[in-house]
């Protein structure tokens, strides 16, 4: 049943392509060369669609088992290595993240003295706005 719908669809597309080509020429001035050209264009479109379907089927047959095995292996390894902490238990203050400075000259102000461990510090800028509005080299 599905094959008959597929054949009907292919024939319908071919007839539409031929009809469109012949309509561009004009129904009063159709000659056999115009009909042959329209049929050739329609068959070329159909053959390209069939080639794409065959290539997709061959690719699925060739790479399908390998992709399924890779996916199963990935799922198994993910199940074996479950996270020890849930996201609710994660503390972002466990340890500081080290960052290399991009500055070539030392800072103008010394770093503040550390206070109680585990605290988060938010300080306002004391040396000017973060984006100066003066012209010239910025960074």
N, C-alpha and C. Protein backbone atom coordinates (compact mmCIF):
# COMPACT_ATOMS: atom_id res chain seq x y z
N UNK A 1 0.82 -1.19 0.00
CA UNK A 1 0.00 0.00 0.00
C UNK A 1 0.87 1.26 0.00
N UNK A 2 1.94 1.26 0.82
CA UNK A 2 2.80 2.42 0.86
C UNK A 2 3.55 2.61 -0.46
N UNK A 3 3.89 1.51 -1.10
CA UNK A 3 4.62 1.59 -2.36
C UNK A 3 3.74 2.23 -3.43
N UNK A 4 2.47 1.90 -3.42
CA UNK A 4 1.58 2.49 -4.42
C UNK A 4 1.45 4.00 -4.21
N UNK A 5 1.40 4.46 -2.96
CA UNK A 5 1.37 5.90 -2.70
C UNK A 5 2.67 6.56 -3.14
N UNK A 6 3.79 5.90 -2.92
CA UNK A 6 5.08 6.44 -3.34
C UNK A 6 5.15 6.56 -4.86
N UNK A 7 4.73 5.52 -5.56
CA UNK A 7 4.73 5.56 -7.03
C UNK A 7 3.80 6.65 -7.53
N UNK A 8 2.63 6.77 -6.92
CA UNK A 8 1.69 7.82 -7.32
C UNK A 8 2.31 9.20 -7.09
N UNK A 9 2.98 9.37 -5.97
CA UNK A 9 3.61 10.66 -5.67
C UNK A 9 4.71 10.99 -6.66
N UNK A 10 5.52 10.01 -7.02
CA UNK A 10 6.59 10.24 -7.99
C UNK A 10 6.01 10.60 -9.35
N UNK A 11 5.00 9.88 -9.78
CA UNK A 11 4.38 10.20 -11.07
C UNK A 11 3.72 11.57 -11.05
N UNK A 12 3.10 11.93 -9.94
CA UNK A 12 2.47 13.24 -9.83
C UNK A 12 3.52 14.35 -9.94
N UNK A 13 4.66 14.18 -9.26
CA UNK A 13 5.73 15.18 -9.34
C UNK A 13 6.24 15.28 -10.77
N UNK A 14 6.42 14.13 -11.43
CA UNK A 14 6.91 14.14 -12.82
C UNK A 14 5.93 14.87 -13.73
N UNK A 15 4.64 14.61 -13.59
CA UNK A 15 3.64 15.27 -14.43
C UNK A 15 3.62 16.78 -14.15
N UNK A 16 3.76 17.16 -12.88
CA UNK A 16 3.77 18.59 -12.55
C UNK A 16 4.99 19.29 -13.14
N UNK A 17 6.16 18.63 -13.09
CA UNK A 17 7.35 19.24 -13.66
C UNK A 17 7.21 19.38 -15.17
N UNK A 18 6.71 18.34 -15.83
CA UNK A 18 6.51 18.40 -17.28
C UNK A 18 5.50 19.48 -17.63
N UNK A 19 4.41 19.54 -16.91
CA UNK A 19 3.38 20.55 -17.16
C UNK A 19 3.92 21.96 -16.97
N UNK A 20 4.73 22.17 -15.95
CA UNK A 20 5.31 23.48 -15.70
C UNK A 20 6.25 23.88 -16.83
N UNK A 21 7.09 22.94 -17.27
CA UNK A 21 8.02 23.24 -18.37
C UNK A 21 7.26 23.58 -19.66
N UNK A 22 6.23 22.80 -19.94
CA UNK A 22 5.47 23.05 -21.18
C UNK A 22 4.67 24.34 -21.11
N UNK A 23 4.23 24.69 -19.92
CA UNK A 23 3.48 25.94 -19.76
C UNK A 23 4.40 27.14 -19.96
N UNK A 24 5.67 27.02 -19.56
CA UNK A 24 6.61 28.11 -19.78
C UNK A 24 6.83 28.37 -21.27
N UNK A 25 6.82 27.29 -22.06
CA UNK A 25 7.01 27.44 -23.50
C UNK A 25 5.77 28.05 -24.12
N UNK A 26 4.64 27.65 -23.66
CA UNK A 26 3.38 28.12 -24.24
C UNK A 26 2.72 26.95 -24.94
N UNK A 27 1.47 26.68 -24.60
CA UNK A 27 0.79 25.49 -25.11
C UNK A 27 0.60 25.53 -26.63
N UNK A 28 0.57 26.71 -27.22
CA UNK A 28 0.34 26.80 -28.67
C UNK A 28 1.60 26.47 -29.47
N UNK A 29 2.79 26.64 -28.87
CA UNK A 29 4.03 26.46 -29.63
C UNK A 29 4.85 25.26 -29.15
N UNK A 30 4.23 24.22 -28.69
CA UNK A 30 4.96 23.05 -28.19
C UNK A 30 5.42 22.20 -29.37
N UNK A 31 6.69 21.82 -29.34
CA UNK A 31 7.21 20.88 -30.34
C UNK A 31 7.80 19.68 -29.61
N UNK A 32 8.18 18.63 -30.29
CA UNK A 32 8.69 17.43 -29.64
C UNK A 32 9.96 17.67 -28.80
N UNK A 33 10.77 18.63 -29.19
CA UNK A 33 11.98 18.91 -28.42
C UNK A 33 11.64 19.49 -27.04
N UNK A 34 10.60 20.30 -26.98
CA UNK A 34 10.16 20.85 -25.69
C UNK A 34 9.64 19.74 -24.78
N UNK A 35 8.90 18.82 -25.34
CA UNK A 35 8.38 17.69 -24.54
C UNK A 35 9.53 16.83 -24.04
N UNK A 36 10.51 16.56 -24.90
CA UNK A 36 11.66 15.74 -24.49
C UNK A 36 12.47 16.44 -23.41
N UNK A 37 12.64 17.74 -23.54
CA UNK A 37 13.37 18.51 -22.53
C UNK A 37 12.64 18.48 -21.18
N UNK A 38 11.34 18.64 -21.21
CA UNK A 38 10.55 18.61 -19.97
C UNK A 38 10.61 17.24 -19.32
N UNK A 39 10.51 16.17 -20.11
CA UNK A 39 10.60 14.82 -19.56
C UNK A 39 11.99 14.56 -18.97
N UNK A 40 13.03 15.03 -19.64
CA UNK A 40 14.38 14.86 -19.14
C UNK A 40 14.56 15.57 -17.80
N UNK A 41 14.07 16.79 -17.68
CA UNK A 41 14.16 17.53 -16.42
C UNK A 41 13.40 16.81 -15.31
N UNK A 42 12.22 16.29 -15.63
CA UNK A 42 11.42 15.59 -14.62
C UNK A 42 12.11 14.32 -14.17
N UNK A 43 12.64 13.56 -15.12
CA UNK A 43 13.33 12.32 -14.75
C UNK A 43 14.62 12.58 -13.98
N UNK A 44 15.32 13.67 -14.31
CA UNK A 44 16.52 14.02 -13.56
C UNK A 44 16.18 14.33 -12.11
N UNK A 45 15.11 15.08 -11.88
CA UNK A 45 14.69 15.39 -10.50
C UNK A 45 14.31 14.12 -9.75
N UNK A 46 13.63 13.21 -10.41
CA UNK A 46 13.22 11.96 -9.77
C UNK A 46 14.44 11.09 -9.45
N UNK A 47 15.38 11.02 -10.39
CA UNK A 47 16.58 10.20 -10.17
C UNK A 47 17.43 10.78 -9.03
N UNK A 48 17.52 12.08 -8.93
CA UNK A 48 18.28 12.68 -7.83
C UNK A 48 17.61 12.37 -6.50
N UNK A 49 16.30 12.45 -6.42
CA UNK A 49 15.59 12.10 -5.18
C UNK A 49 15.80 10.63 -4.83
N UNK A 50 15.72 9.76 -5.80
CA UNK A 50 15.94 8.33 -5.54
C UNK A 50 17.37 8.09 -5.07
N UNK A 51 18.35 8.77 -5.68
CA UNK A 51 19.74 8.62 -5.27
C UNK A 51 19.95 9.07 -3.83
N UNK A 52 19.30 10.16 -3.43
CA UNK A 52 19.40 10.62 -2.05
C UNK A 52 18.80 9.61 -1.08
N UNK A 53 17.65 9.03 -1.45
CA UNK A 53 17.03 8.03 -0.58
C UNK A 53 17.91 6.78 -0.46
N UNK A 54 18.50 6.34 -1.57
CA UNK A 54 19.37 5.16 -1.52
C UNK A 54 20.61 5.45 -0.69
N UNK A 55 21.20 6.65 -0.84
CA UNK A 55 22.38 7.02 -0.05
C UNK A 55 22.04 7.07 1.44
N UNK A 56 20.88 7.59 1.79
CA UNK A 56 20.48 7.63 3.20
C UNK A 56 20.27 6.22 3.74
N UNK A 57 19.67 5.34 2.94
CA UNK A 57 19.46 3.96 3.38
C UNK A 57 20.79 3.22 3.54
N UNK A 58 21.70 3.41 2.62
CA UNK A 58 23.00 2.76 2.74
C UNK A 58 23.79 3.30 3.93
N UNK A 59 23.72 4.60 4.15
CA UNK A 59 24.38 5.18 5.32
C UNK A 59 23.81 4.66 6.62
N UNK A 60 22.48 4.52 6.66
CA UNK A 60 21.85 3.98 7.87
C UNK A 60 22.27 2.53 8.09
N UNK A 61 22.32 1.74 6.99
CA UNK A 61 22.71 0.34 7.12
C UNK A 61 24.17 0.21 7.52
N UNK A 62 25.03 1.10 7.02
CA UNK A 62 26.46 0.99 7.29
C UNK A 62 26.81 1.53 8.67
N UNK A 63 26.29 2.70 9.03
CA UNK A 63 26.69 3.36 10.26
C UNK A 63 25.71 3.17 11.41
N UNK A 64 24.54 2.62 11.16
CA UNK A 64 23.54 2.44 12.21
C UNK A 64 24.02 1.59 13.37
N UNK A 65 24.54 0.36 13.14
CA UNK A 65 25.00 -0.46 14.27
C UNK A 65 26.15 0.20 15.04
N UNK A 66 27.06 0.85 14.35
CA UNK A 66 28.18 1.50 15.03
C UNK A 66 27.68 2.66 15.90
N UNK A 67 26.73 3.43 15.39
CA UNK A 67 26.19 4.54 16.18
C UNK A 67 25.38 4.05 17.37
N UNK A 68 24.63 2.96 17.19
CA UNK A 68 23.88 2.40 18.33
C UNK A 68 24.84 1.88 19.40
N UNK A 69 25.92 1.18 18.99
CA UNK A 69 26.89 0.68 19.96
C UNK A 69 27.58 1.83 20.69
N UNK A 70 27.93 2.88 19.96
CA UNK A 70 28.58 4.03 20.59
C UNK A 70 27.64 4.70 21.59
N UNK A 71 26.36 4.83 21.24
CA UNK A 71 25.40 5.45 22.13
C UNK A 71 25.17 4.61 23.38
N UNK A 72 25.08 3.28 23.21
CA UNK A 72 24.90 2.40 24.37
C UNK A 72 26.13 2.46 25.28
N UNK A 73 27.32 2.50 24.71
CA UNK A 73 28.54 2.59 25.50
C UNK A 73 28.58 3.90 26.27
N UNK A 74 28.20 4.99 25.61
CA UNK A 74 28.18 6.29 26.26
C UNK A 74 27.16 6.32 27.41
N UNK A 75 26.00 5.72 27.20
CA UNK A 75 24.98 5.69 28.26
C UNK A 75 25.43 4.84 29.43
N UNK A 76 26.09 3.69 29.13
CA UNK A 76 26.60 2.84 30.21
C UNK A 76 27.66 3.56 31.03
N UNK A 77 28.58 4.25 30.37
CA UNK A 77 29.64 4.93 31.11
C UNK A 77 29.07 6.10 31.92
N UNK A 78 28.03 6.74 31.42
CA UNK A 78 27.39 7.83 32.17
C UNK A 78 26.67 7.29 33.40
N UNK A 79 26.08 6.10 33.28
CA UNK A 79 25.40 5.50 34.43
C UNK A 79 26.39 5.06 35.50
N UNK A 80 27.59 4.62 35.08
CA UNK A 80 28.59 4.16 36.04
C UNK A 80 29.25 5.31 36.78
N UNK A 81 29.40 6.43 36.12
CA UNK A 81 30.09 7.56 36.75
C UNK A 81 29.09 8.63 37.14
N UNK A 82 28.21 8.30 38.06
CA UNK A 82 27.25 9.29 38.55
C UNK A 82 27.97 10.30 39.43
N UNK A 83 27.44 11.49 39.46
CA UNK A 83 28.05 12.53 40.28
C UNK A 83 27.89 12.19 41.77
N UNK A 84 28.92 12.49 42.55
CA UNK A 84 28.86 12.21 43.98
C UNK A 84 27.99 13.23 44.71
N UNK A 85 27.97 14.42 44.22
CA UNK A 85 27.17 15.46 44.86
C UNK A 85 26.02 15.84 43.94
N UNK A 86 24.89 16.15 44.50
CA UNK A 86 23.81 16.68 43.68
C UNK A 86 24.02 18.19 43.57
N UNK A 87 23.32 18.83 42.65
CA UNK A 87 23.51 20.25 42.46
C UNK A 87 23.10 21.05 43.69
N UNK A 88 22.18 20.54 44.49
CA UNK A 88 21.76 21.24 45.69
C UNK A 88 22.87 21.27 46.73
N UNK A 89 23.78 20.29 46.70
CA UNK A 89 24.84 20.21 47.69
C UNK A 89 26.12 20.91 47.25
N UNK A 90 26.20 21.37 46.04
CA UNK A 90 27.43 21.98 45.54
C UNK A 90 27.61 23.33 46.20
N UNK A 91 28.79 23.55 46.74
CA UNK A 91 29.14 24.83 47.32
C UNK A 91 30.14 25.51 46.40
N UNK A 92 29.83 26.69 45.98
CA UNK A 92 30.69 27.39 45.04
C UNK A 92 31.86 28.05 45.75
N UNK A 93 31.89 28.04 47.08
CA UNK A 93 32.99 28.67 47.84
C UNK A 93 34.00 27.64 48.31
N UNK A 94 34.06 26.47 47.68
CA UNK A 94 35.00 25.44 48.12
C UNK A 94 36.44 25.91 48.00
N UNK A 95 36.82 26.41 46.86
CA UNK A 95 38.19 26.88 46.67
C UNK A 95 38.18 27.97 45.62
N UNK A 96 39.13 28.88 45.70
CA UNK A 96 39.15 29.96 44.72
C UNK A 96 39.63 29.45 43.35
N UNK A 97 39.20 30.14 42.34
CA UNK A 97 39.61 29.81 40.98
C UNK A 97 40.76 30.74 40.60
N UNK A 98 41.89 30.18 40.24
CA UNK A 98 43.05 30.98 39.87
C UNK A 98 42.91 31.52 38.46
N UNK A 99 43.25 32.80 38.29
CA UNK A 99 43.17 33.44 36.98
C UNK A 99 44.48 34.18 36.73
N UNK A 100 45.07 33.97 35.56
CA UNK A 100 46.30 34.67 35.21
C UNK A 100 45.95 36.08 34.77
N UNK A 101 46.71 37.05 35.22
CA UNK A 101 46.44 38.44 34.89
C UNK A 101 46.90 38.76 33.49
N UNK A 102 46.16 39.63 32.83
CA UNK A 102 46.52 40.08 31.49
C UNK A 102 47.26 41.40 31.53
N UNK A 103 47.41 41.97 32.72
CA UNK A 103 48.07 43.28 32.85
C UNK A 103 49.57 43.12 32.77
N UNK A 104 50.21 44.10 32.17
CA UNK A 104 51.67 44.07 32.09
C UNK A 104 52.31 44.82 33.26
N UNK A 105 51.60 45.81 33.82
CA UNK A 105 52.14 46.56 34.97
C UNK A 105 51.44 46.08 36.25
N UNK A 106 52.09 46.24 37.40
CA UNK A 106 51.45 45.81 38.65
C UNK A 106 50.27 46.71 39.00
N UNK A 107 49.42 46.21 39.87
CA UNK A 107 48.25 46.97 40.31
C UNK A 107 48.67 48.20 41.09
N UNK A 108 47.87 49.26 41.01
CA UNK A 108 48.18 50.49 41.74
C UNK A 108 47.90 50.33 43.22
N UNK A 109 46.92 49.55 43.57
CA UNK A 109 46.55 49.35 44.97
C UNK A 109 46.91 47.94 45.38
N UNK A 110 47.36 47.75 46.63
CA UNK A 110 47.65 46.38 47.08
C UNK A 110 46.34 45.62 47.30
N UNK A 111 46.44 44.34 47.24
CA UNK A 111 45.26 43.50 47.46
C UNK A 111 44.81 43.62 48.91
N UNK A 112 43.50 43.55 49.18
CA UNK A 112 43.03 43.65 50.56
C UNK A 112 43.44 42.42 51.36
N UNK A 113 43.58 42.62 52.65
CA UNK A 113 43.96 41.52 53.53
C UNK A 113 42.78 40.57 53.65
N UNK A 114 43.05 39.26 53.60
CA UNK A 114 41.94 38.31 53.72
C UNK A 114 41.35 38.34 55.13
N UNK A 115 40.05 38.18 55.21
CA UNK A 115 39.40 38.13 56.52
C UNK A 115 38.95 36.70 56.78
N UNK A 116 37.80 36.52 57.36
CA UNK A 116 37.34 35.19 57.75
C UNK A 116 37.26 34.28 56.52
N UNK A 117 37.72 33.03 56.65
CA UNK A 117 37.67 32.14 55.49
C UNK A 117 36.23 31.80 55.11
N UNK A 118 36.02 31.63 53.82
CA UNK A 118 34.71 31.23 53.33
C UNK A 118 33.79 32.37 53.01
N UNK A 119 34.23 33.60 53.16
CA UNK A 119 33.37 34.74 52.89
C UNK A 119 33.46 35.18 51.44
N UNK A 120 32.43 35.83 50.99
CA UNK A 120 32.42 36.40 49.65
C UNK A 120 32.45 37.91 49.80
N UNK A 121 33.31 38.56 49.02
CA UNK A 121 33.50 40.00 49.18
C UNK A 121 33.08 40.71 47.91
N UNK A 122 32.28 41.71 48.10
CA UNK A 122 31.88 42.56 46.98
C UNK A 122 32.29 43.97 47.33
N UNK A 123 33.20 44.55 46.56
CA UNK A 123 33.65 45.91 46.83
C UNK A 123 33.36 46.77 45.62
N UNK A 124 33.10 48.04 45.88
CA UNK A 124 32.87 48.95 44.77
C UNK A 124 34.21 49.44 44.24
N UNK A 125 34.20 49.90 43.04
CA UNK A 125 35.42 50.38 42.40
C UNK A 125 35.82 51.71 43.03
N UNK A 126 37.09 51.85 43.45
CA UNK A 126 37.55 53.09 44.07
C UNK A 126 38.46 53.87 43.15
N UNK A 127 38.80 53.33 42.01
CA UNK A 127 39.74 54.01 41.13
C UNK A 127 39.12 54.54 39.86
N UNK A 128 37.84 54.45 39.66
CA UNK A 128 37.20 55.04 38.49
C UNK A 128 36.19 54.11 37.88
N UNK A 129 35.51 54.60 36.85
CA UNK A 129 34.50 53.77 36.20
C UNK A 129 35.16 52.62 35.43
N UNK A 130 34.44 51.51 35.24
CA UNK A 130 35.04 50.37 34.57
C UNK A 130 35.33 50.63 33.09
N UNK A 131 34.58 51.55 32.46
CA UNK A 131 34.79 51.87 31.06
C UNK A 131 35.01 53.38 30.94
N UNK A 132 36.28 53.83 30.95
CA UNK A 132 36.51 55.28 30.86
C UNK A 132 36.06 55.81 29.50
N UNK A 133 35.57 57.03 29.52
CA UNK A 133 35.03 57.61 28.30
C UNK A 133 36.06 58.48 27.57
N UNK A 134 37.31 58.47 28.01
CA UNK A 134 38.33 59.27 27.36
C UNK A 134 38.85 58.54 26.13
N UNK A 135 39.18 59.28 25.06
CA UNK A 135 39.73 58.61 23.88
C UNK A 135 41.17 58.16 24.13
N UNK A 136 41.58 57.20 23.37
CA UNK A 136 42.95 56.70 23.48
C UNK A 136 42.96 55.21 23.71
N UNK A 137 44.14 54.62 23.85
CA UNK A 137 44.22 53.17 24.05
C UNK A 137 43.61 52.78 25.38
N UNK A 138 42.77 51.79 25.36
CA UNK A 138 42.08 51.36 26.57
C UNK A 138 42.74 50.15 27.22
N UNK A 139 43.11 49.19 26.42
CA UNK A 139 43.68 47.97 26.99
C UNK A 139 45.04 47.74 26.38
